[in-house]
Amino acid sequence: MATVTVRNGIDVQALLDTIEAIRTKPELADFTFRASTNWQQGTASTAQIGAFVHAGDARRS
C-alpha cells in the first residue's frame, strides 16, 4: 500500500505528477475562462463565472 503525503491539504505526489505532465505536454496548462461582475452598491457586487476550458476539455460551470 502506498503512503500518501499531504501537506497543507495538498497531495504532494499528485502535485508532482501534475507538474511532470505539464513539463511533458505544456498545452495542458492552458486555461481560459470568462467572468462578469456587476457592482451593486458600495463594496457589494455579484459575479458569475461562465464557460471555461482547461487541459483541452471544454466544461460549463
Protein backbone atom coordinates (compact mmCIF):
# COMPACT_ATOMS: atom_id res chain seq x y z
CA MET A 1 0.00 0.00 0.00
CA ALA A 2 1.38 3.41 -1.00
CA THR A 3 1.73 6.18 1.55
CA VAL A 4 0.04 9.45 0.60
CA THR A 5 1.85 12.55 1.81
CA VAL A 6 -0.43 15.52 2.33
CA ARG A 7 0.97 18.96 3.14
CA ASN A 8 -1.37 21.88 3.77
CA GLY A 9 -4.20 19.87 2.23
CA ILE A 10 -2.22 19.10 -0.95
CA ASP A 11 -1.47 15.55 -2.12
CA VAL A 12 2.24 16.09 -2.80
CA GLN A 13 2.67 13.17 -5.23
CA ALA A 14 -0.38 14.25 -7.25
CA LEU A 15 1.10 17.76 -7.47
CA LEU A 16 4.49 16.41 -8.60
CA ASP A 17 2.75 14.18 -11.17
CA THR A 18 0.82 17.19 -12.48
CA ILE A 19 4.00 19.26 -12.79
CA GLU A 20 5.70 16.45 -14.73
CA ALA A 21 2.67 16.05 -17.03
CA ILE A 22 2.79 19.78 -17.82
CA ARG A 23 6.54 19.63 -18.46
CA THR A 24 5.91 16.81 -20.92
CA LYS A 25 2.84 18.40 -22.52
CA PRO A 26 2.78 22.19 -21.83
CA GLU A 27 -0.60 22.71 -23.53
CA LEU A 28 -2.19 21.00 -20.50
CA ALA A 29 -1.53 24.23 -18.59
CA ASP A 30 -3.74 26.31 -20.93
CA PHE A 31 -6.78 27.68 -19.11
CA THR A 32 -9.39 30.16 -20.34
CA PHE A 33 -12.45 31.42 -18.51
CA ARG A 34 -14.99 34.21 -18.73
CA ALA A 35 -16.29 36.16 -15.77
CA SER A 36 -18.60 39.11 -15.29
CA THR A 37 -19.15 41.31 -12.27
CA ASN A 38 -21.97 43.71 -11.53
CA TRP A 39 -21.36 46.31 -8.84
CA GLN A 40 -24.42 46.70 -6.63
CA GLN A 41 -23.57 49.48 -4.21
CA GLY A 42 -20.53 50.42 -2.16
CA THR A 43 -18.44 47.26 -1.75
CA ALA A 44 -21.20 44.80 -2.77
CA SER A 45 -21.06 43.02 -6.11
CA THR A 46 -22.25 39.87 -7.80
CA ALA A 47 -20.01 37.79 -10.01
CA GLN A 48 -20.68 35.00 -12.47
CA ILE A 49 -18.19 32.57 -13.98
CA GLY A 50 -19.19 31.31 -17.42
CA ALA A 51 -17.88 28.53 -19.62
CA PHE A 52 -14.24 27.56 -19.23
CA VAL A 53 -11.68 25.40 -20.99
CA HIS A 54 -8.84 23.59 -19.25
CA ALA A 55 -6.39 20.93 -20.39
CA GLY A 56 -8.14 20.93 -23.79
CA ASP A 57 -11.53 19.99 -22.31
CA ALA A 58 -14.50 22.39 -22.55
CA ARG A 59 -16.76 22.49 -19.50
CA ARG A 60 -19.61 24.66 -18.31
CA SER A 61 -19.97 25.86 -14.77
